[in-house]
Amino acid sequence: MTVCLWFLCLIIKQSYCEEIFASKAVLSSEGTQYIPANMPAQLISITNTDSIKKCAILCNNNVLCRIFDYAVSSPKQCRLFEGDTNKLGQIVSSS
């Protein structure tokens, strides 16, 4: 009986460990935006959210998302992108 319970605990522990993810957000200065090298290929989605935190959560929940930008002014637009700023785009001043 003890062996069966221990085995069950190992299975449960392993399944929870597989669901843990980590991410890191590096924020650039306000008044900037990301310009991808290939907008149609890299743009994942555009949504309206009421905070930058919710935009970061949307990106974190999408396995393809590597970059997001958030327009603080109306319409509070959150854009999610594939790619890497060092290779596939740049951060520039927004107009």
PDB file of N, CA and C in Angstrom:
ATOM      1  N   MET A   1       0.823  -1.192   0.000  1.00  0.00           N
ATOM      2  CA  MET A   1       0.000   0.000   0.000  1.00  0.00           C
ATOM      3  C   MET A   1       0.868   1.258   0.000  1.00  0.00           C
ATOM      4  N   THR A   2       1.917   1.283   0.794  1.00  0.00           N
ATOM      5  CA  THR A   2       2.804   2.437   0.868  1.00  0.00           C
ATOM      6  C   THR A   2       3.486   2.688  -0.469  1.00  0.00           C
ATOM      7  N   VAL A   3       3.892   1.652  -1.151  1.00  0.00           N
ATOM      8  CA  VAL A   3       4.560   1.779  -2.441  1.00  0.00           C
ATOM      9  C   VAL A   3       3.621   2.408  -3.465  1.00  0.00           C
ATOM     10  N   CYS A   4       2.382   2.006  -3.490  1.00  0.00           N
ATOM     11  CA  CYS A   4       1.410   2.562  -4.437  1.00  0.00           C
ATOM     12  C   CYS A   4       1.183   4.049  -4.193  1.00  0.00           C
ATOM     13  N   LEU A   5       1.074   4.464  -2.944  1.00  0.00           N
ATOM     14  CA  LEU A   5       0.861   5.869  -2.633  1.00  0.00           C
ATOM     15  C   LEU A   5       2.076   6.706  -3.016  1.00  0.00           C
ATOM     16  N   TRP A   6       3.264   6.208  -2.747  1.00  0.00           N
ATOM     17  CA  TRP A   6       4.494   6.911  -3.100  1.00  0.00           C
ATOM     18  C   TRP A   6       4.585   7.091  -4.614  1.00  0.00           C
ATOM     19  N   PHE A   7       4.252   6.060  -5.355  1.00  0.00           N
ATOM     20  CA  PHE A   7       4.272   6.114  -6.807  1.00  0.00           C
ATOM     21  C   PHE A   7       3.269   7.152  -7.307  1.00  0.00           C
ATOM     22  N   LEU A   8       2.086   7.178  -6.708  1.00  0.00           N
ATOM     23  CA  LEU A   8       1.073   8.150  -7.082  1.00  0.00           C
ATOM     24  C   LEU A   8       1.553   9.574  -6.791  1.00  0.00           C
ATOM     25  N   CYS A   9       2.208   9.774  -5.661  1.00  0.00           N
ATOM     26  CA  CYS A   9       2.751  11.097  -5.328  1.00  0.00           C
ATOM     27  C   CYS A   9       3.804  11.527  -6.337  1.00  0.00           C
ATOM     28  N   LEU A  10       4.638  10.615  -6.773  1.00  0.00           N
ATOM     29  CA  LEU A  10       5.657  10.947  -7.768  1.00  0.00           C
ATOM     30  C   LEU A  10       5.018  11.353  -9.089  1.00  0.00           C
ATOM     31  N   ILE A  11       3.962  10.659  -9.480  1.00  0.00           N
ATOM     32  CA  ILE A  11       3.274  10.994 -10.725  1.00  0.00           C
ATOM     33  C   ILE A  11       2.642  12.379 -10.621  1.00  0.00           C
ATOM     34  N   ILE A  12       1.965  12.654  -9.518  1.00  0.00           N
ATOM     35  CA  ILE A  12       1.330  13.954  -9.328  1.00  0.00           C
ATOM     36  C   ILE A  12       2.378  15.061  -9.292  1.00  0.00           C
ATOM     37  N   LYS A  13       3.459  14.851  -8.569  1.00  0.00           N
ATOM     38  CA  LYS A  13       4.513  15.859  -8.467  1.00  0.00           C
ATOM     39  C   LYS A  13       5.124  16.143  -9.836  1.00  0.00           C
ATOM     40  N   GLN A  14       5.359  15.115 -10.617  1.00  0.00           N
ATOM     41  CA  GLN A  14       5.945  15.278 -11.936  1.00  0.00           C
ATOM     42  C   GLN A  14       5.009  16.071 -12.851  1.00  0.00           C
ATOM     43  N   SER A  15       3.719  15.786 -12.813  1.00  0.00           N
ATOM     44  CA  SER A  15       2.798  16.495 -13.696  1.00  0.00           C
ATOM     45  C   SER A  15       2.714  17.979 -13.338  1.00  0.00           C
ATOM     46  N   TYR A  16       2.794  18.330 -12.055  1.00  0.00           N
ATOM     47  CA  TYR A  16       2.784  19.736 -11.671  1.00  0.00           C
ATOM     48  C   TYR A  16       4.078  20.430 -12.088  1.00  0.00           C
ATOM     49  N   CYS A  17       5.188  19.764 -12.006  1.00  0.00           N
ATOM     50  CA  CYS A  17       6.474  20.364 -12.380  1.00  0.00           C
ATOM     51  C   CYS A  17       6.519  20.704 -13.865  1.00  0.00           C
ATOM     52  N   GLU A  18       5.856  19.921 -14.686  1.00  0.00           N
ATOM     53  CA  GLU A  18       5.870  20.167 -16.119  1.00  0.00           C
ATOM     54  C   GLU A  18       5.080  21.412 -16.500  1.00  0.00           C
ATOM     55  N   GLU A  19       4.217  21.892 -15.640  1.00  0.00           N
ATOM     56  CA  GLU A  19       3.376  23.036 -15.942  1.00  0.00           C
ATOM     57  C   GLU A  19       3.953  24.360 -15.463  1.00  0.00           C
ATOM     58  N   ILE A  20       5.140  24.365 -14.918  1.00  0.00           N
ATOM     59  CA  ILE A  20       5.730  25.592 -14.397  1.00  0.00           C
ATOM     60  C   ILE A  20       6.571  26.257 -15.483  1.00  0.00           C
ATOM     61  N   PHE A  21       6.266  27.513 -15.758  1.00  0.00           N
ATOM     62  CA  PHE A  21       6.995  28.276 -16.755  1.00  0.00           C
ATOM     63  C   PHE A  21       7.527  29.551 -16.109  1.00  0.00           C
ATOM     64  N   ALA A  22       8.552  30.100 -16.679  1.00  0.00           N
ATOM     65  CA  ALA A  22       9.100  31.360 -16.183  1.00  0.00           C
ATOM     66  C   ALA A  22       9.278  32.306 -17.363  1.00  0.00           C
ATOM     67  N   SER A  23       9.146  33.574 -17.105  1.00  0.00           N
ATOM     68  CA  SER A  23       9.373  34.563 -18.152  1.00  0.00           C
ATOM     69  C   SER A  23       9.993  35.811 -17.536  1.00  0.00           C
ATOM     70  N   LYS A  24      10.538  36.626 -18.403  1.00  0.00           N
ATOM     71  CA  LYS A  24      11.180  37.862 -17.957  1.00  0.00           C
ATOM     72  C   LYS A  24      10.712  38.977 -18.886  1.00  0.00           C
ATOM     73  N   ALA A  25      10.226  40.055 -18.317  1.00  0.00           N
ATOM     74  CA  ALA A  25       9.794  41.201 -19.114  1.00  0.00           C
ATOM     75  C   ALA A  25      10.779  42.343 -18.907  1.00  0.00           C
ATOM     76  N   VAL A  26      11.278  42.870 -20.012  1.00  0.00           N
ATOM     77  CA  VAL A  26      12.166  44.031 -19.977  1.00  0.00           C
ATOM     78  C   VAL A  26      11.405  45.171 -20.640  1.00  0.00           C
ATOM     79  N   LEU A  27      11.095  46.197 -19.865  1.00  0.00           N
ATOM     80  CA  LEU A  27      10.304  47.307 -20.389  1.00  0.00           C
ATOM     81  C   LEU A  27      11.214  48.419 -20.892  1.00  0.00           C
ATOM     82  N   SER A  28      10.891  48.926 -22.072  1.00  0.00           N
ATOM     83  CA  SER A  28      11.633  50.075 -22.596  1.00  0.00           C
ATOM     84  C   SER A  28      10.916  51.352 -22.162  1.00  0.00           C
ATOM     85  N   SER A  29      11.474  52.474 -22.501  1.00  0.00           N
ATOM     86  CA  SER A  29      10.914  53.765 -22.093  1.00  0.00           C
ATOM     87  C   SER A  29       9.522  53.982 -22.675  1.00  0.00           C
ATOM     88  N   GLU A  30       8.711  54.738 -21.940  1.00  0.00           N
ATOM     89  CA  GLU A  30       7.401  55.116 -22.451  1.00  0.00           C
ATOM     90  C   GLU A  30       7.603  55.983 -23.684  1.00  0.00           C
ATOM     91  N   GLY A  31       6.710  55.845 -24.659  1.00  0.00           N
ATOM     92  CA  GLY A  31       6.836  56.618 -25.892  1.00  0.00           C
ATOM     93  C   GLY A  31       7.619  55.893 -26.965  1.00  0.00           C
ATOM     94  N   THR A  32       7.813  54.591 -26.788  1.00  0.00           N
ATOM     95  CA  THR A  32       8.496  53.782 -27.797  1.00  0.00           C
ATOM     96  C   THR A  32       7.553  52.688 -28.283  1.00  0.00           C
ATOM     97  N   GLN A  33       7.893  52.124 -29.420  1.00  0.00           N
ATOM     98  CA  GLN A  33       7.124  51.001 -29.946  1.00  0.00           C
ATOM     99  C   GLN A  33       8.053  50.054 -30.686  1.00  0.00           C
ATOM    100  N   TYR A  34       7.593  48.823 -30.851  1.00  0.00           N
ATOM    101  CA  TYR A  34       8.370  47.812 -31.556  1.00  0.00           C
ATOM    102  C   TYR A  34       7.979  47.825 -33.024  1.00  0.00           C
ATOM    103  N   ILE A  35       8.957  47.877 -33.894  1.00  0.00           N
ATOM    104  CA  ILE A  35       8.739  47.797 -35.336  1.00  0.00           C
ATOM    105  C   ILE A  35       9.374  46.494 -35.817  1.00  0.00           C
ATOM    106  N   PRO A  36       8.554  45.495 -36.178  1.00  0.00           N
ATOM    107  CA  PRO A  36       9.112  44.221 -36.632  1.00  0.00           C
ATOM    108  C   PRO A  36       9.681  44.331 -38.043  1.00  0.00           C
ATOM    109  N   ALA A  37      10.612  43.457 -38.358  1.00  0.00           N
ATOM    110  CA  ALA A  37      11.194  43.423 -39.697  1.00  0.00           C
ATOM    111  C   ALA A  37      10.154  42.981 -40.723  1.00  0.00           C
ATOM    112  N   ASN A  38       9.244  42.095 -40.321  1.00  0.00           N
ATOM    113  CA  ASN A  38       8.215  41.578 -41.219  1.00  0.00           C
ATOM    114  C   ASN A  38       6.887  41.551 -40.462  1.00  0.00           C
ATOM    115  N   MET A  39       6.142  42.643 -40.531  1.00  0.00           N
ATOM    116  CA  MET A  39       4.903  42.781 -39.755  1.00  0.00           C
ATOM    117  C   MET A  39       3.913  41.639 -39.990  1.00  0.00           C
ATOM    118  N   PRO A  40       3.576  41.261 -41.238  1.00  0.00           N
ATOM    119  CA  PRO A  40       2.585  40.190 -41.417  1.00  0.00           C
ATOM    120  C   PRO A  40       3.028  38.844 -40.828  1.00  0.00           C
ATOM    121  N   ALA A  41       4.313  38.561 -40.880  1.00  0.00           N
ATOM    122  CA  ALA A  41       4.801  37.272 -40.382  1.00  0.00           C
ATOM    123  C   ALA A  41       4.951  37.249 -38.868  1.00  0.00           C
ATOM    124  N   GLN A  42       5.269  38.376 -38.266  1.00  0.00           N
ATOM    125  CA  GLN A  42       5.577  38.400 -36.836  1.00  0.00           C
ATOM    126  C   GLN A  42       4.412  38.800 -35.937  1.00  0.00           C
ATOM    127  N   LEU A  43       3.428  39.519 -36.462  1.00  0.00           N
ATOM    128  CA  LEU A  43       2.301  39.963 -35.645  1.00  0.00           C
ATOM    129  C   LEU A  43       1.402  38.779 -35.311  1.00  0.00           C
ATOM    130  N   ILE A  44       1.202  38.546 -34.025  1.00  0.00           N
ATOM    131  CA  ILE A  44       0.327  37.461 -33.571  1.00  0.00           C
ATOM    132  C   ILE A  44      -1.089  37.978 -33.375  1.00  0.00           C
ATOM    133  N   SER A  45      -1.233  39.080 -32.634  1.00  0.00           N
ATOM    134  CA  SER A  45      -2.574  39.616 -32.380  1.00  0.00           C
ATOM    135  C   SER A  45      -2.507  41.069 -31.940  1.00  0.00           C
ATOM    136  N   ILE A  46      -3.644  41.734 -32.090  1.00  0.00           N
ATOM    137  CA  ILE A  46      -3.842  43.084 -31.575  1.00  0.00           C
ATOM    138  C   ILE A  46      -5.133  43.054 -30.764  1.00  0.00           C
ATOM    139  N   THR A  47      -5.044  43.426 -29.493  1.00  0.00           N
ATOM    140  CA  THR A  47      -6.227  43.460 -28.632  1.00  0.00           C
ATOM    141  C   THR A  47      -6.222  44.745 -27.815  1.00  0.00           C
ATOM    142  N   ASN A  48      -7.364  45.086 -27.294  1.00  0.00           N
ATOM    143  CA  ASN A  48      -7.469  46.226 -26.385  1.00  0.00           C
ATOM    144  C   ASN A  48      -7.508  45.698 -24.958  1.00  0.00           C
ATOM    145  N   THR A  49      -6.581  46.155 -24.135  1.00  0.00           N
ATOM    146  CA  THR A  49      -6.543  45.770 -22.722  1.00  0.00           C
ATOM    147  C   THR A  49      -6.410  47.032 -21.884  1.00  0.00           C
ATOM    148  N   ASP A  50      -6.785  46.939 -20.630  1.00  0.00           N
ATOM    149  CA  ASP A  50      -6.776  48.148 -19.805  1.00  0.00           C
ATOM    150  C   ASP A  50      -5.507  48.347 -18.990  1.00  0.00           C
ATOM    151  N   SER A  51      -4.494  47.468 -19.174  1.00  0.00           N
ATOM    152  CA  SER A  51      -3.232  47.683 -18.458  1.00  0.00           C
ATOM    153  C   SER A  51      -2.083  46.967 -19.160  1.00  0.00           C
ATOM    154  N   ILE A  52      -0.881  47.459 -18.903  1.00  0.00           N
ATOM    155  CA  ILE A  52       0.309  46.816 -19.461  1.00  0.00           C
ATOM    156  C   ILE A  52       0.516  45.435 -18.836  1.00  0.00           C
ATOM    157  N   LYS A  53       0.095  45.278 -17.591  1.00  0.00           N
ATOM    158  CA  LYS A  53       0.216  43.981 -16.923  1.00  0.00           C
ATOM    159  C   LYS A  53      -0.623  42.926 -17.637  1.00  0.00           C
ATOM    160  N   LYS A  54      -1.837  43.280 -18.029  1.00  0.00           N
ATOM    161  CA  LYS A  54      -2.690  42.326 -18.748  1.00  0.00           C
ATOM    162  C   LYS A  54      -2.109  42.004 -20.120  1.00  0.00           C
ATOM    163  N   CYS A  55      -1.468  42.984 -20.734  1.00  0.00           N
ATOM    164  CA  CYS A  55      -0.802  42.750 -22.014  1.00  0.00           C
ATOM    165  C   CYS A  55       0.356  41.763 -21.835  1.00  0.00           C
ATOM    166  N   ALA A  56       1.127  41.936 -20.772  1.00  0.00           N
ATOM    167  CA  ALA A  56       2.231  41.018 -20.477  1.00  0.00           C
ATOM    168  C   ALA A  56       1.715  39.608 -20.212  1.00  0.00           C
ATOM    169  N   ILE A  57       0.587  39.497 -19.530  1.00  0.00           N
ATOM    170  CA  ILE A  57      -0.008  38.182 -19.257  1.00  0.00           C
ATOM    171  C   ILE A  57      -0.447  37.520 -20.556  1.00  0.00           C
ATOM    172  N   LEU A  58      -1.042  38.295 -21.473  1.00  0.00           N
ATOM    173  CA  LEU A  58      -1.440  37.741 -22.771  1.00  0.00           C
ATOM    174  C   LEU A  58      -0.231  37.184 -23.515  1.00  0.00           C
ATOM    175  N   CYS A  59       0.865  37.923 -23.498  1.00  0.00           N
ATOM    176  CA  CYS A  59       2.088  37.463 -24.161  1.00  0.00           C
ATOM    177  C   CYS A  59       2.633  36.210 -23.489  1.00  0.00           C
ATOM    178  N   ASN A  60       2.651  36.210 -22.179  1.00  0.00           N
ATOM    179  CA  ASN A  60       3.177  35.071 -21.432  1.00  0.00           C
ATOM    180  C   ASN A  60       2.356  33.805 -21.673  1.00  0.00           C
ATOM    181  N   ASN A  61       1.060  33.958 -21.897  1.00  0.00           N
ATOM    182  CA  ASN A  61       0.187  32.806 -22.118  1.00  0.00           C
ATOM    183  C   ASN A  61       0.243  32.279 -23.547  1.00  0.00           C
ATOM    184  N   ASN A  62       0.875  33.003 -24.448  1.00  0.00           N
ATOM    185  CA  ASN A  62       0.991  32.581 -25.842  1.00  0.00           C
ATOM    186  C   ASN A  62       2.415  32.072 -26.081  1.00  0.00           C
ATOM    187  N   VAL A  63       2.552  30.802 -26.422  1.00  0.00           N
ATOM    188  CA  VAL A  63       3.888  30.199 -26.562  1.00  0.00           C
ATOM    189  C   VAL A  63       4.703  30.820 -27.697  1.00  0.00           C
ATOM    190  N   LEU A  64       4.057  31.434 -28.667  1.00  0.00           N
ATOM    191  CA  LEU A  64       4.777  32.057 -29.777  1.00  0.00           C
ATOM    192  C   LEU A  64       5.248  33.471 -29.462  1.00  0.00           C
ATOM    193  N   CYS A  65       4.649  34.104 -28.472  1.00  0.00           N
ATOM    194  CA  CYS A  65       4.938  35.515 -28.181  1.00  0.00           C
ATOM    195  C   CYS A  65       6.305  35.685 -27.525  1.00  0.00           C
ATOM    196  N   ARG A  66       7.093  36.595 -28.097  1.00  0.00           N
ATOM    197  CA  ARG A  66       8.394  36.942 -27.534  1.00  0.00           C
ATOM    198  C   ARG A  66       8.483  38.433 -27.219  1.00  0.00           C
ATOM    199  N   ILE A  67       7.629  39.232 -27.865  1.00  0.00           N
ATOM    200  CA  ILE A  67       7.666  40.686 -27.712  1.00  0.00           C
ATOM    201  C   ILE A  67       6.230  41.199 -27.662  1.00  0.00           C
ATOM    202  N   PHE A  68       5.984  42.157 -26.787  1.00  0.00           N
ATOM    203  CA  PHE A  68       4.693  42.845 -26.814  1.00  0.00           C
ATOM    204  C   PHE A  68       4.935  44.338 -26.679  1.00  0.00           C
ATOM    205  N   ASP A  69       4.025  45.112 -27.239  1.00  0.00           N
ATOM    206  CA  ASP A  69       4.043  46.535 -26.934  1.00  0.00           C
ATOM    207  C   ASP A  69       2.629  46.971 -26.582  1.00  0.00           C
ATOM    208  N   TYR A  70       2.560  48.028 -25.809  1.00  0.00           N
ATOM    209  CA  TYR A  70       1.284  48.488 -25.259  1.00  0.00           C
ATOM    210  C   TYR A  70       1.182  49.993 -25.422  1.00  0.00           C
ATOM    211  N   ALA A  71       0.118  50.435 -26.067  1.00  0.00           N
ATOM    212  CA  ALA A  71      -0.136  51.864 -26.237  1.00  0.00           C
ATOM    213  C   ALA A  71      -0.934  52.354 -25.036  1.00  0.00           C
ATOM    214  N   VAL A  72      -0.318  53.194 -24.225  1.00  0.00           N
ATOM    215  CA  VAL A  72      -0.957  53.696 -23.006  1.00  0.00           C
ATOM    216  C   VAL A  72      -2.149  54.583 -23.344  1.00  0.00           C
ATOM    217  N   SER A  73      -2.013  55.389 -24.395  1.00  0.00           N
ATOM    218  CA  SER A  73      -3.120  56.259 -24.793  1.00  0.00           C
ATOM    219  C   SER A  73      -4.222  55.429 -25.453  1.00  0.00           C
ATOM    220  N   SER A  74      -5.357  56.047 -25.637  1.00  0.00           N
ATOM    221  CA  SER A  74      -6.493  55.360 -26.250  1.00  0.00           C
ATOM    222  C   SER A  74      -6.079  54.857 -27.621  1.00  0.00           C
ATOM    223  N   PRO A  75      -6.412  53.688 -28.049  1.00  0.00           N
ATOM    224  CA  PRO A  75      -7.355  52.712 -27.517  1.00  0.00           C
ATOM    225  C   PRO A  75      -6.738  51.676 -26.580  1.00  0.00           C
ATOM    226  N   LYS A  76      -5.597  51.962 -25.967  1.00  0.00           N
ATOM    227  CA  LYS A  76      -4.929  51.019 -25.061  1.00  0.00           C
ATOM    228  C   LYS A  76      -4.713  49.669 -25.756  1.00  0.00           C
ATOM    229  N   GLN A  77      -3.974  49.737 -26.823  1.00  0.00           N
ATOM    230  CA  GLN A  77      -3.761  48.603 -27.710  1.00  0.00           C
ATOM    231  C   GLN A  77      -2.575  47.749 -27.276  1.00  0.00           C
ATOM    232  N   CYS A  78      -2.786  46.449 -27.250  1.00  0.00           N
ATOM    233  CA  CYS A  78      -1.745  45.475 -26.913  1.00  0.00           C
ATOM    234  C   CYS A  78      -1.425  44.679 -28.171  1.00  0.00           C
ATOM    235  N   ARG A  79      -0.164  44.745 -28.606  1.00  0.00           N
ATOM    236  CA  ARG A  79       0.255  43.993 -29.791  1.00  0.00           C
ATOM    237  C   ARG A  79       1.254  42.924 -29.373  1.00  0.00           C
ATOM    238  N   LEU A  80       1.020  41.698 -29.835  1.00  0.00           N
ATOM    239  CA  LEU A  80       1.901  40.569 -29.544  1.00  0.00           C
ATOM    240  C   LEU A  80       2.646  40.178 -30.808  1.00  0.00           C
ATOM    241  N   PHE A  81       3.951  39.885 -30.646  1.00  0.00           N
ATOM    242  CA  PHE A  81       4.797  39.554 -31.788  1.00  0.00           C
ATOM    243  C   PHE A  81       5.635  38.309 -31.519  1.00  0.00           C
ATOM    244  N   GLU A  82       5.941  37.598 -32.603  1.00  0.00           N
ATOM    245  CA  GLU A  82       6.967  36.560 -32.569  1.00  0.00           C
ATOM    246  C   GLU A  82       8.299  37.257 -32.818  1.00  0.00           C
ATOM    247  N   GLY A  83       9.392  36.594 -32.477  1.00  0.00           N
ATOM    248  CA  GLY A  83      10.693  37.120 -32.861  1.00  0.00           C
ATOM    249  C   GLY A  83      11.512  37.688 -31.732  1.00  0.00           C
ATOM    250  N   ASP A  84      12.575  38.365 -32.116  1.00  0.00           N
ATOM    251  CA  ASP A  84      13.580  38.864 -31.196  1.00  0.00           C
ATOM    252  C   ASP A  84      13.964  40.279 -31.621  1.00  0.00           C
ATOM    253  N   THR A  85      14.018  41.206 -30.682  1.00  0.00           N
ATOM    254  CA  THR A  85      14.348  42.591 -31.046  1.00  0.00           C
ATOM    255  C   THR A  85      15.752  42.724 -31.610  1.00  0.00           C
ATOM    256  N   ASN A  86      16.656  41.853 -31.228  1.00  0.00           N
ATOM    257  CA  ASN A  86      18.035  41.950 -31.715  1.00  0.00           C
ATOM    258  C   ASN A  86      18.174  41.508 -33.165  1.00  0.00           C
ATOM    259  N   LYS A  87      17.255  40.665 -33.655  1.00  0.00           N
ATOM    260  CA  LYS A  87      17.403  40.101 -34.995  1.00  0.00           C
ATOM    261  C   LYS A  87      16.260  40.469 -35.935  1.00  0.00           C
ATOM    262  N   LEU A  88      15.057  40.612 -35.396  1.00  0.00           N
ATOM    263  CA  LEU A  88      13.891  40.710 -36.266  1.00  0.00           C
ATOM    264  C   LEU A  88      13.093  42.000 -36.118  1.00  0.00           C
ATOM    265  N   GLY A  89      13.702  43.040 -35.634  1.00  0.00           N
ATOM    266  CA  GLY A  89      12.991  44.305 -35.496  1.00  0.00           C
ATOM    267  C   GLY A  89      13.761  45.260 -34.612  1.00  0.00           C
ATOM    268  N   GLN A  90      13.116  46.381 -34.299  1.00  0.00           N
ATOM    269  CA  GLN A  90      13.777  47.380 -33.466  1.00  0.00           C
ATOM    270  C   GLN A  90      12.753  48.158 -32.651  1.00  0.00           C
ATOM    271  N   ILE A  91      13.220  48.758 -31.580  1.00  0.00           N
ATOM    272  CA  ILE A  91      12.386  49.608 -30.742  1.00  0.00           C
ATOM    273  C   ILE A  91      12.708  51.049 -31.111  1.00  0.00           C
ATOM    274  N   VAL A  92      11.668  51.796 -31.500  1.00  0.00           N
ATOM    275  CA  VAL A  92      11.844  53.178 -31.943  1.00  0.00           C
ATOM    276  C   VAL A  92      10.868  54.087 -31.197  1.00  0.00           C
ATOM    277  N   SER A  93      11.079  55.391 -31.295  1.00  0.00           N
ATOM    278  CA  SER A  93      10.146  56.356 -30.704  1.00  0.00           C
ATOM    279  C   SER A  93       8.823  56.290 -31.444  1.00  0.00           C
ATOM    280  N   SER A  94       7.735  56.278 -30.690  1.00  0.00           N
ATOM    281  CA  SER A  94       6.415  56.276 -31.329  1.00  0.00           C
ATOM    282  C   SER A  94       6.017  57.707 -31.647  1.00  0.00           C
ATOM    283  N   SER A  95       5.218  57.848 -32.689  1.00  0.00           N
ATOM    284  CA  SER A  95       4.812  59.201 -33.084  1.00  0.00           C
ATOM    285  C   SER A  95       3.370  59.467 -32.743  1.00  0.00           C
TER     286      SER A  95
END
